[in-house]
Structure formats: structure tokens, C-alpha cells
């Protein structure tokens, strides 16, 4: 777990996530089920694809320390609910774009961002 956490300190693992979400939405829009599913599965893995930085930036250390505290404070059932909420968000986002509703896709994306701001 420490290996993965160190890699998550690489800022590129943060910057790639919005790009992944855009590609995910495009795959759903084009109704490419397998591609949409593969991108959804890649989303959590994206935190560890870049090497750990030699010297992490202070704001990264601070943010991830708070994130680690939040995750450590969760019970297994709370963590399971958290994972299910992430899956529900991705499913709702894919559904909106699969149905080619830009409006609902933007609503879901903004609601997901708002919930992350409130809870995170």
C-alpha cells in the first residue's frame, strides 16, 4: 500500500484523471461498451501508473495526508458505500452520455464534483 501511496504523490496521477473522465464520456457517447468499461476500470489504477516523485510538493503531501486520514477513519461498510458511490457516479455519467444527453452528463459531472467537495 505504501508503494501505491508514494506513486499517488506524483501530480501527473492527478492531472490525468480529468482526461480519463473526458475519454470515458466520449467512449460512452460513441456507445463503445468495452472501451467505456476498460476506461472505468483504469480510473482507479491511474493513481499509480506514474513513478513516485523524488521530492513531493508540500501541497500534495498535505492534501494526501488529509485524504489518507479520511480513508483510515472509514469502517469497512463506509468504505464499501464510498466505492459503490464512485461506481454509481461512473454508471450515471456513462448512462447520460450513452443516451447522448450532454445536459444530463454535465449535471451528473457537476453533482459528482460538488459531492466530492462537500465530503472530501
N, C-alpha and C. Protein backbone atom coordinates (compact mmCIF):
# COMPACT_ATOMS: atom_id res chain seq x y z
N UNK A 1 0.82 -1.20 0.00
CA UNK A 1 0.00 0.00 0.00
C UNK A 1 0.87 1.26 0.00
N UNK A 2 2.00 1.23 0.72
CA UNK A 2 2.88 2.40 0.75
C UNK A 2 3.47 2.68 -0.64
N UNK A 3 3.73 1.63 -1.39
CA UNK A 3 4.25 1.79 -2.75
C UNK A 3 3.25 2.56 -3.60
N UNK A 4 1.99 2.18 -3.53
CA UNK A 4 0.94 2.84 -4.31
C UNK A 4 0.74 4.27 -3.82
N UNK A 5 0.76 4.45 -2.52
CA UNK A 5 0.54 5.79 -1.96
C UNK A 5 1.65 6.75 -2.38
N UNK A 6 2.88 6.26 -2.41
CA UNK A 6 4.01 7.09 -2.84
C UNK A 6 3.85 7.50 -4.30
N UNK A 7 3.38 6.60 -5.12
CA UNK A 7 3.17 6.91 -6.55
C UNK A 7 2.04 7.92 -6.74
N UNK A 8 1.05 7.88 -5.86
CA UNK A 8 -0.07 8.82 -5.95
C UNK A 8 0.38 10.25 -5.65
N UNK A 9 1.56 10.41 -5.08
CA UNK A 9 2.10 11.74 -4.82
C UNK A 9 2.61 12.42 -6.10
N UNK A 10 2.69 11.68 -7.19
CA UNK A 10 3.06 12.26 -8.47
C UNK A 10 1.87 13.05 -9.00
N UNK A 11 2.08 14.32 -9.24
CA UNK A 11 0.98 15.19 -9.69
C UNK A 11 0.35 14.72 -11.00
N UNK A 12 1.13 14.03 -11.82
CA UNK A 12 0.57 13.55 -13.09
C UNK A 12 -0.59 12.59 -12.85
N UNK A 13 -0.56 11.86 -11.74
CA UNK A 13 -1.67 10.96 -11.45
C UNK A 13 -2.95 11.73 -11.15
N UNK A 14 -2.82 12.98 -10.77
CA UNK A 14 -3.99 13.83 -10.54
C UNK A 14 -4.45 14.46 -11.85
N UNK A 15 -3.49 14.95 -12.63
CA UNK A 15 -3.82 15.66 -13.86
C UNK A 15 -4.44 14.75 -14.91
N UNK A 16 -4.11 13.47 -14.86
CA UNK A 16 -4.63 12.54 -15.87
C UNK A 16 -6.11 12.21 -15.63
N UNK A 17 -6.59 12.34 -14.41
CA UNK A 17 -7.96 11.93 -14.09
C UNK A 17 -9.03 12.69 -14.87
N UNK A 18 -8.96 14.01 -14.97
CA UNK A 18 -9.98 14.69 -15.80
C UNK A 18 -9.92 14.24 -17.26
N UNK A 19 -8.71 13.98 -17.75
CA UNK A 19 -8.57 13.49 -19.13
C UNK A 19 -9.24 12.13 -19.26
N UNK A 20 -9.03 11.27 -18.28
CA UNK A 20 -9.66 9.95 -18.29
C UNK A 20 -11.18 10.09 -18.30
N UNK A 21 -11.71 11.02 -17.50
CA UNK A 21 -13.16 11.20 -17.46
C UNK A 21 -13.71 11.69 -18.80
N UNK A 22 -12.96 12.57 -19.46
CA UNK A 22 -13.40 13.06 -20.77
C UNK A 22 -13.41 11.91 -21.77
N UNK A 23 -12.36 11.10 -21.79
CA UNK A 23 -12.30 9.95 -22.71
C UNK A 23 -13.40 8.95 -22.37
N UNK A 24 -13.64 8.74 -21.09
CA UNK A 24 -14.73 7.86 -20.63
C UNK A 24 -16.08 8.35 -21.18
N UNK A 25 -16.32 9.65 -21.06
CA UNK A 25 -17.58 10.22 -21.57
C UNK A 25 -17.68 10.09 -23.09
N UNK A 26 -16.57 10.31 -23.78
CA UNK A 26 -16.58 10.16 -25.24
C UNK A 26 -16.84 8.72 -25.65
N UNK A 27 -16.25 7.77 -24.94
CA UNK A 27 -16.48 6.36 -25.25
C UNK A 27 -17.95 6.00 -25.04
N UNK A 28 -18.54 6.52 -23.96
CA UNK A 28 -19.97 6.27 -23.72
C UNK A 28 -20.82 6.94 -24.80
N UNK A 29 -20.46 8.17 -25.18
CA UNK A 29 -21.19 8.91 -26.22
C UNK A 29 -21.19 8.12 -27.53
N UNK A 30 -20.04 7.52 -27.85
CA UNK A 30 -19.92 6.74 -29.09
C UNK A 30 -20.44 5.31 -28.92
N UNK A 31 -20.93 5.02 -27.72
CA UNK A 31 -21.53 3.71 -27.39
C UNK A 31 -20.56 2.55 -27.63
N UNK A 32 -19.36 2.73 -27.14
CA UNK A 32 -18.34 1.69 -27.18
C UNK A 32 -18.28 1.06 -25.79
N UNK A 33 -19.09 0.03 -25.58
CA UNK A 33 -19.25 -0.55 -24.25
C UNK A 33 -17.94 -1.04 -23.66
N UNK A 34 -17.19 -1.82 -24.41
CA UNK A 34 -15.93 -2.39 -23.90
C UNK A 34 -14.94 -1.28 -23.55
N UNK A 35 -14.82 -0.30 -24.42
CA UNK A 35 -13.90 0.81 -24.16
C UNK A 35 -14.34 1.60 -22.92
N UNK A 36 -15.63 1.85 -22.80
CA UNK A 36 -16.15 2.56 -21.62
C UNK A 36 -15.83 1.77 -20.36
N UNK A 37 -16.03 0.48 -20.39
CA UNK A 37 -15.75 -0.36 -19.23
C UNK A 37 -14.25 -0.39 -18.91
N UNK A 38 -13.42 -0.52 -19.92
CA UNK A 38 -11.97 -0.54 -19.69
C UNK A 38 -11.48 0.78 -19.09
N UNK A 39 -12.00 1.88 -19.58
CA UNK A 39 -11.60 3.17 -19.04
C UNK A 39 -12.07 3.32 -17.59
N UNK A 40 -13.27 2.84 -17.30
CA UNK A 40 -13.78 2.87 -15.92
C UNK A 40 -12.87 2.04 -15.01
N UNK A 41 -12.40 0.91 -15.50
CA UNK A 41 -11.52 0.07 -14.70
C UNK A 41 -10.13 0.69 -14.54
N UNK A 42 -9.71 1.45 -15.54
CA UNK A 42 -8.41 2.12 -15.47
C UNK A 42 -8.42 3.30 -14.50
N UNK A 43 -9.58 3.89 -14.28
CA UNK A 43 -9.69 5.09 -13.45
C UNK A 43 -9.01 4.93 -12.09
N UNK A 44 -9.30 3.88 -11.30
CA UNK A 44 -8.61 3.77 -10.00
C UNK A 44 -7.13 3.42 -10.13
N UNK A 45 -6.77 2.75 -11.21
CA UNK A 45 -5.37 2.36 -11.42
C UNK A 45 -4.51 3.57 -11.80
N UNK A 46 -5.15 4.60 -12.35
CA UNK A 46 -4.40 5.77 -12.81
C UNK A 46 -3.62 6.46 -11.70
N UNK A 47 -3.99 6.22 -10.46
CA UNK A 47 -3.27 6.84 -9.33
C UNK A 47 -1.87 6.29 -9.17
N UNK A 48 -1.59 5.14 -9.75
CA UNK A 48 -0.29 4.50 -9.52
C UNK A 48 0.52 4.24 -10.78
N UNK A 49 0.11 4.79 -11.91
CA UNK A 49 0.84 4.50 -13.15
C UNK A 49 2.12 5.32 -13.31
N UNK A 50 2.23 6.42 -12.58
CA UNK A 50 3.42 7.26 -12.68
C UNK A 50 4.36 6.97 -11.51
N UNK A 51 5.66 7.12 -11.71
CA UNK A 51 6.59 6.83 -10.62
C UNK A 51 6.44 7.82 -9.47
N UNK A 52 6.84 7.38 -8.29
CA UNK A 52 6.82 8.27 -7.13
C UNK A 52 7.80 9.41 -7.36
N UNK A 53 7.40 10.63 -7.02
CA UNK A 53 8.33 11.76 -7.20
C UNK A 53 9.47 11.68 -6.18
N UNK A 54 10.63 12.16 -6.57
CA UNK A 54 11.77 12.18 -5.65
C UNK A 54 11.49 13.12 -4.47
N UNK A 55 10.90 14.28 -4.80
CA UNK A 55 10.55 15.26 -3.77
C UNK A 55 9.11 15.71 -4.02
N UNK A 56 8.16 15.14 -3.29
CA UNK A 56 6.77 15.56 -3.49
C UNK A 56 6.57 17.01 -3.05
N UNK A 57 5.66 17.69 -3.72
CA UNK A 57 5.36 19.07 -3.38
C UNK A 57 4.61 19.14 -2.05
N UNK A 58 4.83 20.17 -1.26
CA UNK A 58 4.18 20.28 0.05
C UNK A 58 2.65 20.22 -0.01
N UNK A 59 2.03 20.88 -1.00
CA UNK A 59 0.57 20.84 -1.07
C UNK A 59 0.05 19.44 -1.37
N UNK A 60 0.84 18.65 -2.11
CA UNK A 60 0.45 17.27 -2.41
C UNK A 60 0.52 16.44 -1.13
N UNK A 61 1.60 16.62 -0.38
CA UNK A 61 1.75 15.89 0.88
C UNK A 61 0.60 16.22 1.83
N UNK A 62 0.28 17.50 1.93
CA UNK A 62 -0.80 17.94 2.83
C UNK A 62 -2.15 17.38 2.40
N UNK A 63 -2.45 17.49 1.11
CA UNK A 63 -3.75 17.01 0.62
C UNK A 63 -3.88 15.50 0.81
N UNK A 64 -2.84 14.76 0.44
CA UNK A 64 -2.92 13.31 0.55
C UNK A 64 -2.91 12.83 2.00
N UNK A 65 -2.30 13.59 2.89
CA UNK A 65 -2.36 13.23 4.31
C UNK A 65 -3.80 13.33 4.80
N UNK A 66 -4.50 14.39 4.39
CA UNK A 66 -5.91 14.55 4.77
C UNK A 66 -6.76 13.44 4.14
N UNK A 67 -6.46 13.11 2.89
CA UNK A 67 -7.20 12.03 2.22
C UNK A 67 -6.96 10.69 2.91
N UNK A 68 -5.72 10.45 3.31
CA UNK A 68 -5.39 9.19 3.98
C UNK A 68 -6.09 9.10 5.34
N UNK A 69 -6.16 10.22 6.05
CA UNK A 69 -6.88 10.25 7.33
C UNK A 69 -8.35 9.92 7.13
N UNK A 70 -8.94 10.52 6.10
CA UNK A 70 -10.35 10.28 5.80
C UNK A 70 -10.58 8.80 5.50
N UNK A 71 -9.74 8.22 4.68
CA UNK A 71 -9.89 6.81 4.33
C UNK A 71 -9.64 5.90 5.53
N UNK A 72 -8.65 6.25 6.36
CA UNK A 72 -8.33 5.43 7.53
C UNK A 72 -9.45 5.48 8.57
N UNK A 73 -10.19 6.58 8.60
CA UNK A 73 -11.27 6.73 9.58
C UNK A 73 -12.52 5.96 9.17
N UNK A 74 -12.59 5.52 7.92
CA UNK A 74 -13.77 4.80 7.44
C UNK A 74 -13.79 3.36 7.93
N UNK A 75 -14.97 2.91 8.31
CA UNK A 75 -15.14 1.50 8.60
C UNK A 75 -15.23 0.76 7.26
N UNK A 76 -15.21 -0.55 7.30
CA UNK A 76 -15.31 -1.32 6.06
C UNK A 76 -16.64 -1.05 5.36
N UNK A 77 -17.71 -0.93 6.12
CA UNK A 77 -19.01 -0.66 5.50
C UNK A 77 -19.05 0.74 4.89
N UNK A 78 -18.44 1.72 5.56
CA UNK A 78 -18.38 3.08 5.00
C UNK A 78 -17.53 3.09 3.73
N UNK A 79 -16.43 2.35 3.74
CA UNK A 79 -15.59 2.27 2.55
C UNK A 79 -16.33 1.60 1.41
N UNK A 80 -17.11 0.56 1.72
CA UNK A 80 -17.90 -0.12 0.69
C UNK A 80 -18.93 0.84 0.09
N UNK A 81 -19.55 1.66 0.93
CA UNK A 81 -20.52 2.65 0.44
C UNK A 81 -19.81 3.66 -0.45
N UNK A 82 -18.61 4.09 -0.03
CA UNK A 82 -17.82 5.03 -0.81
C UNK A 82 -17.52 4.46 -2.20
N UNK A 83 -17.07 3.22 -2.26
CA UNK A 83 -16.76 2.57 -3.54
C UNK A 83 -18.02 2.46 -4.39
N UNK A 84 -19.14 2.10 -3.76
CA UNK A 84 -20.40 2.00 -4.51
C UNK A 84 -20.85 3.36 -5.05
N UNK A 85 -20.59 4.43 -4.29
CA UNK A 85 -20.93 5.77 -4.78
C UNK A 85 -20.09 6.15 -5.99
N UNK A 86 -18.82 5.79 -5.97
CA UNK A 86 -17.95 6.05 -7.13
C UNK A 86 -18.44 5.27 -8.35
N UNK A 87 -18.80 4.01 -8.13
CA UNK A 87 -19.31 3.18 -9.22
C UNK A 87 -20.64 3.75 -9.73
N UNK A 88 -21.50 4.19 -8.82
CA UNK A 88 -22.79 4.78 -9.21
C UNK A 88 -22.58 6.06 -10.01
N UNK A 89 -21.61 6.87 -9.59
CA UNK A 89 -21.29 8.09 -10.32
C UNK A 89 -20.85 7.77 -11.75
N UNK A 90 -19.91 6.83 -11.88
CA UNK A 90 -19.44 6.47 -13.22
C UNK A 90 -20.56 5.87 -14.07
N UNK A 91 -21.42 5.07 -13.46
CA UNK A 91 -22.55 4.48 -14.20
C UNK A 91 -23.52 5.56 -14.65
N UNK A 92 -23.82 6.52 -13.77
CA UNK A 92 -24.74 7.60 -14.12
C UNK A 92 -24.15 8.47 -15.23
N UNK A 93 -22.85 8.73 -15.12
CA UNK A 93 -22.17 9.54 -16.14
C UNK A 93 -22.19 8.82 -17.49
N UNK A 94 -21.85 7.54 -17.47
CA UNK A 94 -21.86 6.76 -18.71
C UNK A 94 -23.26 6.68 -19.29
N UNK A 95 -24.26 6.49 -18.44
CA UNK A 95 -25.65 6.40 -18.92
C UNK A 95 -26.08 7.70 -19.59
N UNK A 96 -25.75 8.82 -18.96
CA UNK A 96 -26.14 10.12 -19.53
C UNK A 96 -25.52 10.31 -20.90
N UNK A 97 -24.24 10.01 -21.03
CA UNK A 97 -23.59 10.20 -22.32
C UNK A 97 -23.95 9.10 -23.31
N UNK A 98 -24.21 7.91 -22.84
CA UNK A 98 -24.66 6.83 -23.73
C UNK A 98 -25.97 7.23 -24.40
N UNK A 99 -26.83 7.87 -23.63
CA UNK A 99 -28.11 8.35 -24.17
C UNK A 99 -27.96 9.66 -24.92
N UNK A 100 -26.72 10.11 -25.04
CA UNK A 100 -26.36 11.32 -25.77
C UNK A 100 -27.06 12.56 -25.23
N UNK A 101 -27.09 12.65 -23.91
CA UNK A 101 -27.65 13.82 -23.24
C UNK A 101 -26.50 14.62 -22.63
N UNK A 102 -26.07 15.62 -23.35
CA UNK A 102 -25.00 16.48 -22.85
C UNK A 102 -25.44 17.18 -21.57
N UNK A 103 -26.69 17.62 -21.53
CA UNK A 103 -27.20 18.31 -20.34
C UNK A 103 -27.12 17.42 -19.10
N UNK A 104 -27.65 16.19 -19.19
CA UNK A 104 -27.61 15.29 -18.04
C UNK A 104 -26.19 14.86 -17.70
N UNK A 105 -25.37 14.72 -18.71
CA UNK A 105 -23.97 14.40 -18.45
C UNK A 105 -23.29 15.50 -17.64
N UNK A 106 -23.55 16.74 -18.01
CA UNK A 106 -22.98 17.87 -17.26
C UNK A 106 -23.57 17.96 -15.85
N UNK A 107 -24.87 17.68 -15.72
CA UNK A 107 -25.50 17.68 -14.40
C UNK A 107 -24.84 16.63 -13.50
N UNK A 108 -24.69 15.41 -14.02
CA UNK A 108 -24.08 14.34 -13.23
C UNK A 108 -22.63 14.69 -12.88
N UNK A 109 -21.87 15.19 -13.84
CA UNK A 109 -20.47 15.54 -13.60
C UNK A 109 -20.36 16.62 -12.53
N UNK A 110 -21.21 17.63 -12.62
CA UNK A 110 -21.16 18.71 -11.63
C UNK A 110 -21.64 18.26 -10.26
N UNK A 111 -22.64 17.39 -10.22
CA UNK A 111 -23.09 16.86 -8.94
C UNK A 111 -22.00 16.01 -8.30
N UNK A 112 -21.31 15.22 -9.09
CA UNK A 112 -20.20 14.42 -8.57
C UNK A 112 -19.10 15.30 -8.01
N UNK A 113 -18.78 16.37 -8.73
CA UNK A 113 -17.77 17.32 -8.24
C UNK A 113 -18.21 18.01 -6.97
N UNK A 114 -19.47 18.40 -6.90
CA UNK A 114 -20.00 19.08 -5.70
C UNK A 114 -19.98 18.14 -4.49
N UNK A 115 -20.37 16.90 -4.70
CA UNK A 115 -20.36 15.93 -3.60
C UNK A 115 -18.94 15.70 -3.11
N UNK A 116 -18.00 15.61 -4.05
CA UNK A 116 -16.58 15.41 -3.66
C UNK A 116 -16.08 16.61 -2.84
N UNK A 117 -16.47 17.81 -3.24
CA UNK A 117 -16.07 18.99 -2.47
C UNK A 117 -16.65 18.99 -1.06
N UNK A 118 -17.91 18.59 -0.95
CA UNK A 118 -18.57 18.59 0.36
C UNK A 118 -18.01 17.49 1.26
N UNK A 119 -17.84 16.30 0.71
CA UNK A 119 -17.38 15.17 1.52
C UNK A 119 -15.88 15.09 1.68
N UNK A 120 -15.15 15.58 0.69
CA UNK A 120 -13.71 15.41 0.69
C UNK A 120 -13.01 16.53 1.31
